[in-house]
């Protein structure tokens, strides 16, 4: 975990990052807690929010900045009740206008749409159309996050459509010039 903390430190040196999500699907509670305790200080030193995936109970226990819940995890209301009002609660809407509107109406801090491109991170996910981002950006104030297979080579249309944030995994860690360079490139795309 300390090796990854060093890699995270280097990546975050590439420029502003809104948040880092800890997503350890097959890890034990103890492993998630240890990872959070190692990685959260790295994020906080750089004023980057630290979010736990799927587990509001662990987010509350470790003092994370928030939690991200998917449609198969629990409702926004349940997550909010567990983490309290001070934490970020983001909700996956996949490719559903209906689910995104429900999440926003309930008070989600952001809604996430995707996958926009093929991804190895989440098996069996649905495909979202670019028009979903444009529709959301035109009608709603709640920020939206684009998810799924996003790289520096395919991100521009999502940004141009109005995505407030990009959730990127392989696009950072698998970038041929390294994670720091990837973060720099993503920041350049948002600036353009």
N, C-alpha and C. Protein backbone atom coordinates (compact mmCIF):
# COMPACT_ATOMS: atom_id res chain seq x y z
N UNK A 1 0.82 -1.19 0.00
CA UNK A 1 0.00 0.00 0.00
C UNK A 1 0.87 1.26 0.00
N UNK A 2 2.01 1.19 0.68
CA UNK A 2 2.88 2.36 0.71
C UNK A 2 3.45 2.67 -0.67
N UNK A 3 3.67 1.62 -1.49
CA UNK A 3 4.13 1.84 -2.86
C UNK A 3 3.07 2.62 -3.64
N UNK A 4 1.82 2.22 -3.47
CA UNK A 4 0.75 2.93 -4.18
C UNK A 4 0.60 4.35 -3.65
N UNK A 5 0.81 4.56 -2.38
CA UNK A 5 0.75 5.91 -1.82
C UNK A 5 1.77 6.81 -2.52
N UNK A 6 2.95 6.27 -2.79
CA UNK A 6 3.96 7.03 -3.52
C UNK A 6 3.52 7.34 -4.94
N UNK A 7 2.90 6.37 -5.60
CA UNK A 7 2.39 6.59 -6.95
C UNK A 7 1.27 7.63 -6.95
N UNK A 8 0.42 7.57 -5.94
CA UNK A 8 -0.66 8.55 -5.82
C UNK A 8 -0.09 9.95 -5.60
N UNK A 9 0.90 10.04 -4.75
CA UNK A 9 1.56 11.34 -4.51
C UNK A 9 2.08 11.91 -5.82
N UNK A 10 2.75 11.08 -6.60
CA UNK A 10 3.29 11.52 -7.88
C UNK A 10 2.17 11.95 -8.83
N UNK A 11 1.11 11.15 -8.91
CA UNK A 11 0.00 11.49 -9.81
C UNK A 11 -0.63 12.82 -9.43
N UNK A 12 -0.85 13.04 -8.15
CA UNK A 12 -1.50 14.27 -7.69
C UNK A 12 -0.61 15.50 -7.92
N UNK A 13 0.67 15.29 -8.12
CA UNK A 13 1.57 16.41 -8.44
C UNK A 13 1.35 16.91 -9.86
N UNK A 14 0.55 16.18 -10.65
CA UNK A 14 0.29 16.57 -12.02
C UNK A 14 -0.68 17.72 -12.19
N UNK A 15 -1.36 18.10 -11.12
CA UNK A 15 -2.31 19.21 -11.22
C UNK A 15 -3.53 18.96 -10.36
N UNK A 16 -4.46 19.90 -10.39
CA UNK A 16 -5.65 19.79 -9.55
C UNK A 16 -6.46 18.51 -9.83
N UNK A 17 -6.88 17.88 -8.76
CA UNK A 17 -7.76 16.71 -8.80
C UNK A 17 -8.86 16.97 -7.78
N UNK A 18 -10.11 16.77 -8.16
CA UNK A 18 -11.22 17.06 -7.26
C UNK A 18 -11.31 16.02 -6.14
N UNK A 19 -11.19 14.75 -6.52
CA UNK A 19 -11.32 13.70 -5.51
C UNK A 19 -10.64 12.42 -5.97
N UNK A 20 -10.36 11.59 -5.01
CA UNK A 20 -9.86 10.24 -5.25
C UNK A 20 -10.84 9.29 -4.60
N UNK A 21 -11.25 8.30 -5.37
CA UNK A 21 -12.18 7.31 -4.84
C UNK A 21 -11.44 6.00 -4.58
N UNK A 22 -11.58 5.50 -3.37
CA UNK A 22 -11.01 4.20 -3.01
C UNK A 22 -12.04 3.14 -3.38
N UNK A 23 -11.69 2.33 -4.37
CA UNK A 23 -12.61 1.31 -4.88
C UNK A 23 -11.93 -0.05 -4.78
N UNK A 24 -12.21 -0.75 -3.69
CA UNK A 24 -11.62 -2.07 -3.45
C UNK A 24 -12.75 -3.08 -3.30
N UNK A 25 -13.28 -3.55 -4.41
CA UNK A 25 -14.48 -4.38 -4.42
C UNK A 25 -14.35 -5.69 -3.65
N UNK A 26 -13.22 -6.35 -3.78
CA UNK A 26 -13.08 -7.68 -3.18
C UNK A 26 -12.23 -7.69 -1.91
N UNK A 27 -11.99 -6.52 -1.35
CA UNK A 27 -11.15 -6.43 -0.15
C UNK A 27 -12.00 -6.58 1.11
N UNK A 28 -11.36 -7.02 2.17
CA UNK A 28 -12.03 -7.11 3.47
C UNK A 28 -12.20 -5.72 4.06
N UNK A 29 -13.07 -5.61 5.04
CA UNK A 29 -13.24 -4.32 5.72
C UNK A 29 -11.91 -3.82 6.26
N UNK A 30 -11.15 -4.72 6.87
CA UNK A 30 -9.86 -4.32 7.46
C UNK A 30 -8.91 -3.79 6.39
N UNK A 31 -8.89 -4.42 5.22
CA UNK A 31 -8.02 -3.97 4.14
C UNK A 31 -8.44 -2.60 3.63
N UNK A 32 -9.74 -2.36 3.52
CA UNK A 32 -10.24 -1.06 3.07
C UNK A 32 -9.86 0.02 4.08
N UNK A 33 -10.01 -0.29 5.35
CA UNK A 33 -9.69 0.69 6.40
C UNK A 33 -8.20 1.03 6.39
N UNK A 34 -7.36 0.01 6.27
CA UNK A 34 -5.91 0.26 6.22
C UNK A 34 -5.56 1.11 5.00
N UNK A 35 -6.13 0.77 3.85
CA UNK A 35 -5.85 1.54 2.63
C UNK A 35 -6.30 2.99 2.81
N UNK A 36 -7.46 3.18 3.38
CA UNK A 36 -7.96 4.54 3.60
C UNK A 36 -7.03 5.32 4.52
N UNK A 37 -6.56 4.68 5.56
CA UNK A 37 -5.69 5.38 6.52
C UNK A 37 -4.34 5.74 5.91
N UNK A 38 -3.91 4.99 4.91
CA UNK A 38 -2.64 5.31 4.23
C UNK A 38 -2.85 6.36 3.15
N UNK A 39 -3.93 6.23 2.37
CA UNK A 39 -4.12 7.08 1.20
C UNK A 39 -4.83 8.39 1.48
N UNK A 40 -5.72 8.43 2.44
CA UNK A 40 -6.46 9.65 2.72
C UNK A 40 -5.54 10.82 3.08
N UNK A 41 -4.51 10.62 3.92
CA UNK A 41 -3.61 11.75 4.22
C UNK A 41 -2.89 12.29 2.98
N UNK A 42 -2.57 11.41 2.04
CA UNK A 42 -1.93 11.85 0.79
C UNK A 42 -2.86 12.81 0.06
N UNK A 43 -4.14 12.46 0.01
CA UNK A 43 -5.13 13.32 -0.65
C UNK A 43 -5.32 14.62 0.11
N UNK A 44 -5.49 14.52 1.41
CA UNK A 44 -5.77 15.71 2.21
C UNK A 44 -4.61 16.71 2.21
N UNK A 45 -3.39 16.21 2.10
CA UNK A 45 -2.23 17.11 2.01
C UNK A 45 -2.31 17.99 0.77
N UNK A 46 -3.04 17.53 -0.23
CA UNK A 46 -3.16 18.27 -1.49
C UNK A 46 -4.57 18.84 -1.69
N UNK A 47 -5.36 18.86 -0.62
CA UNK A 47 -6.74 19.37 -0.64
C UNK A 47 -7.59 18.65 -1.68
N UNK A 48 -7.43 17.33 -1.74
CA UNK A 48 -8.20 16.47 -2.62
C UNK A 48 -9.16 15.67 -1.75
N UNK A 49 -10.44 15.69 -2.10
CA UNK A 49 -11.43 14.92 -1.34
C UNK A 49 -11.16 13.43 -1.48
N UNK A 50 -11.40 12.71 -0.40
CA UNK A 50 -11.18 11.25 -0.39
C UNK A 50 -12.54 10.58 -0.19
N UNK A 51 -12.93 9.77 -1.18
CA UNK A 51 -14.25 9.15 -1.20
C UNK A 51 -14.10 7.63 -1.19
N UNK A 52 -14.94 6.98 -0.42
CA UNK A 52 -14.95 5.52 -0.36
C UNK A 52 -16.07 5.00 -1.26
N UNK A 53 -15.80 3.99 -2.04
CA UNK A 53 -16.80 3.40 -2.91
C UNK A 53 -17.65 2.39 -2.14
N UNK A 54 -18.96 2.50 -2.27
CA UNK A 54 -19.93 1.51 -1.78
C UNK A 54 -20.12 1.42 -0.27
N UNK A 55 -19.22 1.93 0.53
CA UNK A 55 -19.22 1.62 1.95
C UNK A 55 -19.34 2.87 2.83
N UNK A 56 -20.55 3.38 3.01
CA UNK A 56 -20.71 4.55 3.87
C UNK A 56 -20.32 4.29 5.31
N UNK A 57 -20.46 3.05 5.76
CA UNK A 57 -20.07 2.73 7.13
C UNK A 57 -18.57 2.91 7.33
N UNK A 58 -17.78 2.47 6.36
CA UNK A 58 -16.33 2.64 6.46
C UNK A 58 -15.96 4.10 6.25
N UNK A 59 -16.65 4.77 5.33
CA UNK A 59 -16.38 6.20 5.11
C UNK A 59 -16.56 6.97 6.42
N UNK A 60 -17.62 6.67 7.14
CA UNK A 60 -17.86 7.33 8.42
C UNK A 60 -16.79 6.96 9.43
N UNK A 61 -16.44 5.69 9.49
CA UNK A 61 -15.46 5.22 10.48
C UNK A 61 -14.10 5.87 10.30
N UNK A 62 -13.65 6.01 9.06
CA UNK A 62 -12.30 6.55 8.82
C UNK A 62 -12.29 8.07 8.65
N UNK A 63 -13.46 8.69 8.62
CA UNK A 63 -13.52 10.14 8.45
C UNK A 63 -13.29 10.59 7.02
N UNK A 64 -13.70 9.75 6.06
CA UNK A 64 -13.56 10.12 4.65
C UNK A 64 -14.45 11.31 4.33
N UNK A 65 -14.16 11.95 3.22
CA UNK A 65 -14.94 13.12 2.81
C UNK A 65 -16.28 12.74 2.20
N UNK A 66 -16.42 11.48 1.81
CA UNK A 66 -17.68 11.08 1.21
C UNK A 66 -17.71 9.64 0.80
N UNK A 67 -18.81 9.30 0.13
CA UNK A 67 -19.05 7.94 -0.33
C UNK A 67 -19.71 8.00 -1.70
N UNK A 68 -19.42 7.01 -2.51
CA UNK A 68 -20.07 6.86 -3.82
C UNK A 68 -20.85 5.55 -3.78
N UNK A 69 -22.13 5.61 -4.11
CA UNK A 69 -22.95 4.40 -4.11
C UNK A 69 -23.51 4.14 -5.50
N UNK A 70 -23.53 2.88 -5.85
CA UNK A 70 -24.10 2.45 -7.12
C UNK A 70 -25.54 2.02 -6.94
N UNK A 71 -26.20 1.74 -8.04
CA UNK A 71 -27.60 1.35 -7.99
C UNK A 71 -27.81 0.02 -7.28
N UNK A 72 -26.79 -0.81 -7.25
CA UNK A 72 -26.91 -2.12 -6.61
C UNK A 72 -26.42 -2.12 -5.16
N UNK A 73 -25.99 -0.97 -4.66
CA UNK A 73 -25.42 -0.90 -3.31
C UNK A 73 -26.49 -0.55 -2.28
N UNK A 74 -26.90 0.68 -2.27
CA UNK A 74 -27.95 1.15 -1.37
C UNK A 74 -28.46 2.47 -1.89
N UNK A 75 -29.55 2.94 -1.31
CA UNK A 75 -30.13 4.19 -1.79
C UNK A 75 -29.32 5.39 -1.29
N UNK A 76 -29.53 6.50 -1.96
CA UNK A 76 -28.92 7.74 -1.51
C UNK A 76 -29.30 8.02 -0.06
N UNK A 77 -30.59 7.88 0.26
CA UNK A 77 -31.08 8.19 1.61
C UNK A 77 -30.38 7.35 2.67
N UNK A 78 -30.19 6.08 2.40
CA UNK A 78 -29.50 5.20 3.36
C UNK A 78 -28.05 5.65 3.55
N UNK A 79 -27.39 5.94 2.43
CA UNK A 79 -25.99 6.37 2.52
C UNK A 79 -25.88 7.69 3.28
N UNK A 80 -26.77 8.62 2.99
CA UNK A 80 -26.74 9.92 3.66
C UNK A 80 -26.97 9.75 5.16
N UNK A 81 -27.88 8.88 5.52
CA UNK A 81 -28.16 8.65 6.94
C UNK A 81 -26.92 8.13 7.67
N UNK A 82 -26.17 7.30 7.00
CA UNK A 82 -24.98 6.71 7.62
C UNK A 82 -23.84 7.73 7.74
N UNK A 83 -23.57 8.47 6.67
CA UNK A 83 -22.41 9.37 6.68
C UNK A 83 -22.71 10.75 7.25
N UNK A 84 -23.96 11.13 7.29
CA UNK A 84 -24.32 12.44 7.83
C UNK A 84 -24.29 13.53 6.77
N UNK A 85 -24.61 14.72 7.19
CA UNK A 85 -24.77 15.85 6.27
C UNK A 85 -23.45 16.45 5.78
N UNK A 86 -22.37 16.26 6.53
CA UNK A 86 -21.11 16.91 6.15
C UNK A 86 -20.41 16.22 4.99
N UNK A 87 -20.75 14.98 4.71
CA UNK A 87 -20.05 14.20 3.69
C UNK A 87 -20.67 14.32 2.31
N UNK A 88 -19.84 14.12 1.32
CA UNK A 88 -20.28 14.02 -0.07
C UNK A 88 -20.95 12.67 -0.26
N UNK A 89 -22.09 12.67 -0.94
CA UNK A 89 -22.72 11.42 -1.35
C UNK A 89 -23.00 11.52 -2.84
N UNK A 90 -22.30 10.69 -3.60
CA UNK A 90 -22.50 10.63 -5.04
C UNK A 90 -23.20 9.35 -5.41
N UNK A 91 -23.97 9.39 -6.49
CA UNK A 91 -24.81 8.25 -6.88
C UNK A 91 -24.59 7.94 -8.35
N UNK A 92 -24.44 6.67 -8.67
CA UNK A 92 -24.36 6.22 -10.05
C UNK A 92 -25.77 6.15 -10.62
N UNK A 93 -25.93 6.72 -11.81
CA UNK A 93 -27.21 6.64 -12.52
C UNK A 93 -27.08 5.79 -13.78
N UNK A 94 -25.90 5.27 -14.05
CA UNK A 94 -25.60 4.49 -15.25
C UNK A 94 -25.99 5.28 -16.50
N UNK A 95 -27.04 4.85 -17.21
CA UNK A 95 -27.49 5.56 -18.41
C UNK A 95 -28.94 6.00 -18.27
N UNK A 96 -29.39 6.16 -17.03
CA UNK A 96 -30.80 6.42 -16.76
C UNK A 96 -31.07 7.88 -16.40
N UNK A 97 -31.88 8.53 -17.21
CA UNK A 97 -32.33 9.87 -16.88
C UNK A 97 -33.19 9.84 -15.62
N UNK A 98 -34.03 8.85 -15.53
CA UNK A 98 -34.93 8.73 -14.39
C UNK A 98 -34.16 8.60 -13.07
N UNK A 99 -33.21 7.67 -13.04
CA UNK A 99 -32.44 7.47 -11.80
C UNK A 99 -31.61 8.70 -11.44
N UNK A 100 -31.10 9.39 -12.45
CA UNK A 100 -30.30 10.58 -12.16
C UNK A 100 -31.17 11.68 -11.56
N UNK A 101 -32.37 11.84 -12.08
CA UNK A 101 -33.26 12.87 -11.54
C UNK A 101 -33.69 12.55 -10.11
N UNK A 102 -33.95 11.28 -9.83
CA UNK A 102 -34.29 10.88 -8.47
C UNK A 102 -33.14 11.19 -7.52
N UNK A 103 -31.93 10.83 -7.92
CA UNK A 103 -30.76 11.08 -7.06
C UNK A 103 -30.59 12.57 -6.79
N UNK A 104 -30.72 13.38 -7.82
CA UNK A 104 -30.56 14.83 -7.64
C UNK A 104 -31.67 15.40 -6.77
N UNK A 105 -32.89 14.96 -6.98
CA UNK A 105 -34.02 15.43 -6.17
C UNK A 105 -33.84 15.07 -4.70
N UNK A 106 -33.25 13.92 -4.45
CA UNK A 106 -33.04 13.49 -3.07
C UNK A 106 -31.89 14.23 -2.40
N UNK A 107 -31.04 14.87 -3.20
CA UNK A 107 -29.96 15.66 -2.62
C UNK A 107 -28.56 15.17 -2.91
N UNK A 108 -28.40 14.23 -3.84
CA UNK A 108 -27.05 13.74 -4.16
C UNK A 108 -26.14 14.91 -4.52
N UNK A 109 -24.91 14.84 -4.08
CA UNK A 109 -23.95 15.90 -4.38
C UNK A 109 -23.46 15.86 -5.81
N UNK A 110 -23.55 14.69 -6.43
CA UNK A 110 -23.27 14.54 -7.85
C UNK A 110 -23.94 13.27 -8.34
N UNK A 111 -24.17 13.19 -9.64
CA UNK A 111 -24.63 11.96 -10.26
C UNK A 111 -23.57 11.53 -11.26
N UNK A 112 -23.42 10.23 -11.40
CA UNK A 112 -22.40 9.68 -12.30
C UNK A 112 -23.08 8.90 -13.41
N UNK A 113 -22.66 9.17 -14.63
CA UNK A 113 -23.18 8.48 -15.81
C UNK A 113 -22.07 7.66 -16.45
N UNK A 114 -22.43 6.49 -16.95
CA UNK A 114 -21.47 5.69 -17.69
C UNK A 114 -21.79 4.22 -17.59
N UNK A 115 -21.11 3.48 -18.38
CA UNK A 115 -19.81 3.69 -19.00
C UNK A 115 -19.96 4.27 -20.40
N UNK A 116 -19.09 5.24 -20.68
CA UNK A 116 -19.10 5.87 -22.00
C UNK A 116 -18.23 5.12 -22.99
N UNK A 117 -17.26 4.39 -22.51
CA UNK A 117 -16.34 3.64 -23.36
C UNK A 117 -16.11 2.27 -22.72
N UNK A 118 -15.62 1.30 -23.48
CA UNK A 118 -15.33 0.00 -22.89
C UNK A 118 -14.36 0.14 -21.71
N UNK A 119 -14.61 -0.62 -20.66
CA UNK A 119 -13.80 -0.52 -19.45
C UNK A 119 -13.52 -1.89 -18.87
N UNK A 120 -12.33 -2.04 -18.32
CA UNK A 120 -11.96 -3.28 -17.62
C UNK A 120 -12.27 -3.18 -16.14
N UNK A 121 -12.62 -1.99 -15.66
CA UNK A 121 -12.80 -1.77 -14.23
C UNK A 121 -14.11 -2.34 -13.72
N UNK A 122 -15.14 -2.32 -14.55
CA UNK A 122 -16.44 -2.80 -14.10
C UNK A 122 -17.04 -3.69 -15.18
N UNK A 123 -17.16 -4.97 -14.87
CA UNK A 123 -17.71 -5.93 -15.83
C UNK A 123 -19.23 -5.77 -15.92
N UNK A 124 -19.75 -5.98 -17.11
CA UNK A 124 -21.19 -6.01 -17.30
C UNK A 124 -21.90 -4.68 -17.13
N UNK A 125 -21.21 -3.58 -17.27
CA UNK A 125 -21.85 -2.28 -17.11
C UNK A 125 -22.58 -1.90 -18.39
N UNK A 126 -23.47 -0.94 -18.29
CA UNK A 126 -24.25 -0.48 -19.43
C UNK A 126 -23.50 0.64 -20.15
N UNK A 127 -23.89 0.89 -21.39
CA UNK A 127 -23.28 1.96 -22.17
C UNK A 127 -24.14 3.21 -22.07
N UNK A 128 -23.51 4.34 -21.89
CA UNK A 128 -24.20 5.63 -21.85
C UNK A 128 -23.85 6.42 -23.10
N UNK A 129 -24.80 7.19 -23.57
CA UNK A 129 -24.61 8.02 -24.76
C UNK A 129 -24.16 9.42 -24.36
N UNK A 130 -23.37 10.04 -25.19
CA UNK A 130 -22.86 11.38 -24.96
C UNK A 130 -24.00 12.39 -24.75
N UNK A 131 -25.11 12.19 -25.43
CA UNK A 131 -26.24 13.11 -25.32
C UNK A 131 -26.78 13.19 -23.89
N UNK A 132 -26.55 12.17 -23.10
CA UNK A 132 -26.98 12.17 -21.71
C UNK A 132 -26.29 13.28 -20.92
N UNK A 133 -25.00 13.48 -21.16
CA UNK A 133 -24.25 14.55 -20.49
C UNK A 133 -24.79 15.91 -20.92
N UNK A 134 -25.00 16.10 -22.22
CA UNK A 134 -25.52 17.38 -22.72
C UNK A 134 -26.88 17.68 -22.12
N UNK A 135 -27.75 16.70 -22.09
CA UNK A 135 -29.10 16.87 -21.52
C UNK A 135 -28.99 17.30 -20.06
N UNK A 136 -28.14 16.60 -19.30
CA UNK A 136 -28.00 16.92 -17.88
C UNK A 136 -27.46 18.34 -17.69
N UNK A 137 -26.42 18.67 -18.42
CA UNK A 137 -25.77 19.98 -18.27
C UNK A 137 -26.73 21.12 -18.58
N UNK A 138 -27.64 20.92 -19.51
CA UNK A 138 -28.59 21.96 -19.88
C UNK A 138 -29.67 22.17 -18.84
N UNK A 139 -30.04 21.13 -18.11
CA UNK A 139 -31.24 21.19 -17.26
C UNK A 139 -30.99 21.21 -15.76
N UNK A 140 -29.83 20.74 -15.30
CA UNK A 140 -29.65 20.54 -13.87
C UNK A 140 -28.40 21.23 -13.34
N UNK A 141 -28.46 21.60 -12.08
CA UNK A 141 -27.31 22.24 -11.43
C UNK A 141 -26.42 21.23 -10.71
N UNK A 142 -26.97 20.09 -10.32
CA UNK A 142 -26.18 19.06 -9.65
C UNK A 142 -25.06 18.62 -10.60
N UNK A 143 -23.83 18.63 -10.13
CA UNK A 143 -22.72 18.22 -11.01
C UNK A 143 -22.87 16.79 -11.52
N UNK A 144 -22.35 16.54 -12.71
CA UNK A 144 -22.34 15.17 -13.23
C UNK A 144 -20.91 14.72 -13.50
N UNK A 145 -20.73 13.44 -13.33
CA UNK A 145 -19.43 12.79 -13.52
C UNK A 145 -19.58 11.77 -14.64
N UNK A 146 -18.68 11.79 -15.59
CA UNK A 146 -18.64 10.78 -16.65
C UNK A 146 -17.68 9.68 -16.21
N UNK A 147 -18.12 8.43 -16.41
CA UNK A 147 -17.36 7.26 -15.96
C UNK A 147 -17.22 6.27 -17.12
N UNK A 148 -16.14 5.53 -17.10
CA UNK A 148 -16.05 4.36 -17.94
C UNK A 148 -15.12 4.47 -19.13
N UNK A 149 -13.92 3.92 -18.99
CA UNK A 149 -12.99 3.80 -20.10
C UNK A 149 -12.44 5.12 -20.60
N UNK A 150 -12.44 6.13 -19.75
CA UNK A 150 -12.03 7.47 -20.17
C UNK A 150 -10.51 7.60 -20.17
N UNK A 151 -10.00 8.13 -21.28
CA UNK A 151 -8.55 8.35 -21.44
C UNK A 151 -8.34 9.78 -21.93
N UNK A 152 -7.09 10.21 -21.97
CA UNK A 152 -6.81 11.55 -22.50
C UNK A 152 -7.18 11.64 -23.98
N UNK A 153 -7.24 10.51 -24.66
CA UNK A 153 -7.56 10.52 -26.08
C UNK A 153 -9.05 10.60 -26.39
N UNK A 154 -9.91 10.21 -25.44
CA UNK A 154 -11.35 10.21 -25.73
C UNK A 154 -12.16 11.13 -24.82
N UNK A 155 -11.51 11.87 -23.94
CA UNK A 155 -12.21 12.67 -22.94
C UNK A 155 -12.81 13.97 -23.46
N UNK A 156 -12.24 14.56 -24.48
CA UNK A 156 -12.67 15.88 -24.95
C UNK A 156 -14.17 15.97 -25.24
N UNK A 157 -14.77 15.01 -25.95
CA UNK A 157 -16.22 15.12 -26.21
C UNK A 157 -17.06 15.14 -24.93
N UNK A 158 -16.62 14.44 -23.89
CA UNK A 158 -17.35 14.45 -22.62
C UNK A 158 -17.28 15.82 -21.96
N UNK A 159 -16.10 16.41 -22.00
CA UNK A 159 -15.92 17.76 -21.43
C UNK A 159 -16.73 18.77 -22.22
N UNK A 160 -16.66 18.68 -23.54
CA UNK A 160 -17.41 19.60 -24.39
C UNK A 160 -18.91 19.46 -24.21
N UNK A 161 -19.37 18.25 -23.90
CA UNK A 161 -20.81 18.01 -23.69
C UNK A 161 -21.28 18.58 -22.36
N UNK A 162 -20.34 18.85 -21.43
CA UNK A 162 -20.73 19.45 -20.16
C UNK A 162 -20.44 18.65 -18.92
N UNK A 163 -19.66 17.58 -19.04
CA UNK A 163 -19.30 16.82 -17.84
C UNK A 163 -18.53 17.72 -16.89
N UNK A 164 -18.96 17.74 -15.64
CA UNK A 164 -18.27 18.55 -14.64
C UNK A 164 -16.99 17.89 -14.17
N UNK A 165 -17.02 16.56 -14.12
CA UNK A 165 -15.87 15.78 -13.65
C UNK A 165 -15.75 14.52 -14.48
N UNK A 166 -14.56 13.95 -14.51
CA UNK A 166 -14.31 12.67 -15.16
C UNK A 166 -13.78 11.70 -14.11
N UNK A 167 -14.37 10.52 -14.05
CA UNK A 167 -13.87 9.46 -13.18
C UNK A 167 -12.94 8.61 -14.03
N UNK A 168 -11.67 8.60 -13.66
CA UNK A 168 -10.66 7.97 -14.50
C UNK A 168 -9.84 7.00 -13.65
N UNK A 169 -9.67 5.81 -14.15
CA UNK A 169 -8.82 4.83 -13.47
C UNK A 169 -7.67 4.44 -14.41
N UNK A 170 -7.95 3.56 -15.36
CA UNK A 170 -6.91 3.13 -16.29
C UNK A 170 -6.31 4.28 -17.08
N UNK A 171 -7.11 5.29 -17.35
CA UNK A 171 -6.63 6.46 -18.09
C UNK A 171 -5.53 7.21 -17.36
N UNK A 172 -5.45 7.00 -16.06
CA UNK A 172 -4.36 7.58 -15.25
C UNK A 172 -3.25 6.55 -15.06
N UNK A 173 -3.60 5.41 -14.49
CA UNK A 173 -2.59 4.44 -14.05
C UNK A 173 -1.94 3.68 -15.19
N UNK A 174 -2.62 3.60 -16.35
CA UNK A 174 -2.05 2.87 -17.49
C UNK A 174 -1.49 3.81 -18.56
N UNK A 175 -1.47 5.09 -18.29
CA UNK A 175 -1.00 6.06 -19.28
C UNK A 175 0.49 5.82 -19.56
N UNK A 176 0.85 5.76 -20.84
CA UNK A 176 2.22 5.36 -21.19
C UNK A 176 3.30 6.34 -20.72
N UNK A 177 2.92 7.59 -20.45
CA UNK A 177 3.91 8.56 -19.95
C UNK A 177 3.85 8.70 -18.43
N UNK A 178 3.03 7.89 -17.79
CA UNK A 178 2.95 7.89 -16.33
C UNK A 178 1.74 8.66 -15.80
N UNK A 179 1.36 8.36 -14.55
CA UNK A 179 0.18 8.97 -13.95
C UNK A 179 0.24 10.50 -13.83
N UNK A 180 1.39 11.03 -13.47
CA UNK A 180 1.51 12.48 -13.33
C UNK A 180 1.24 13.17 -14.67
N UNK A 181 1.81 12.63 -15.74
CA UNK A 181 1.59 13.20 -17.07
C UNK A 181 0.12 13.09 -17.47
N UNK A 182 -0.53 12.00 -17.09
CA UNK A 182 -1.95 11.84 -17.41
C UNK A 182 -2.78 12.91 -16.71
N UNK A 183 -2.51 13.14 -15.44
CA UNK A 183 -3.24 14.17 -14.70
C UNK A 183 -3.02 15.53 -15.37
N UNK A 184 -1.79 15.80 -15.76
CA UNK A 184 -1.50 17.07 -16.46
C UNK A 184 -2.31 17.18 -17.75
N UNK A 185 -2.37 16.10 -18.51
CA UNK A 185 -3.09 16.11 -19.79
C UNK A 185 -4.59 16.32 -19.56
N UNK A 186 -5.17 15.64 -18.56
CA UNK A 186 -6.59 15.84 -18.27
C UNK A 186 -6.87 17.28 -17.86
N UNK A 187 -6.00 17.86 -17.08
CA UNK A 187 -6.16 19.26 -16.69
C UNK A 187 -6.09 20.17 -17.91
N UNK A 188 -5.17 19.88 -18.82
CA UNK A 188 -5.06 20.67 -20.04
C UNK A 188 -6.36 20.59 -20.86
N UNK A 189 -6.97 19.40 -20.89
CA UNK A 189 -8.23 19.25 -21.65
C UNK A 189 -9.34 20.09 -21.04
N UNK A 190 -9.41 20.15 -19.71
CA UNK A 190 -10.44 20.96 -19.07
C UNK A 190 -10.17 22.45 -19.30
N UNK A 191 -8.91 22.84 -19.31
CA UNK A 191 -8.58 24.25 -19.54
C UNK A 191 -8.92 24.68 -20.97
N UNK A 192 -8.75 23.76 -21.91
CA UNK A 192 -9.01 24.08 -23.32
C UNK A 192 -10.50 24.26 -23.52
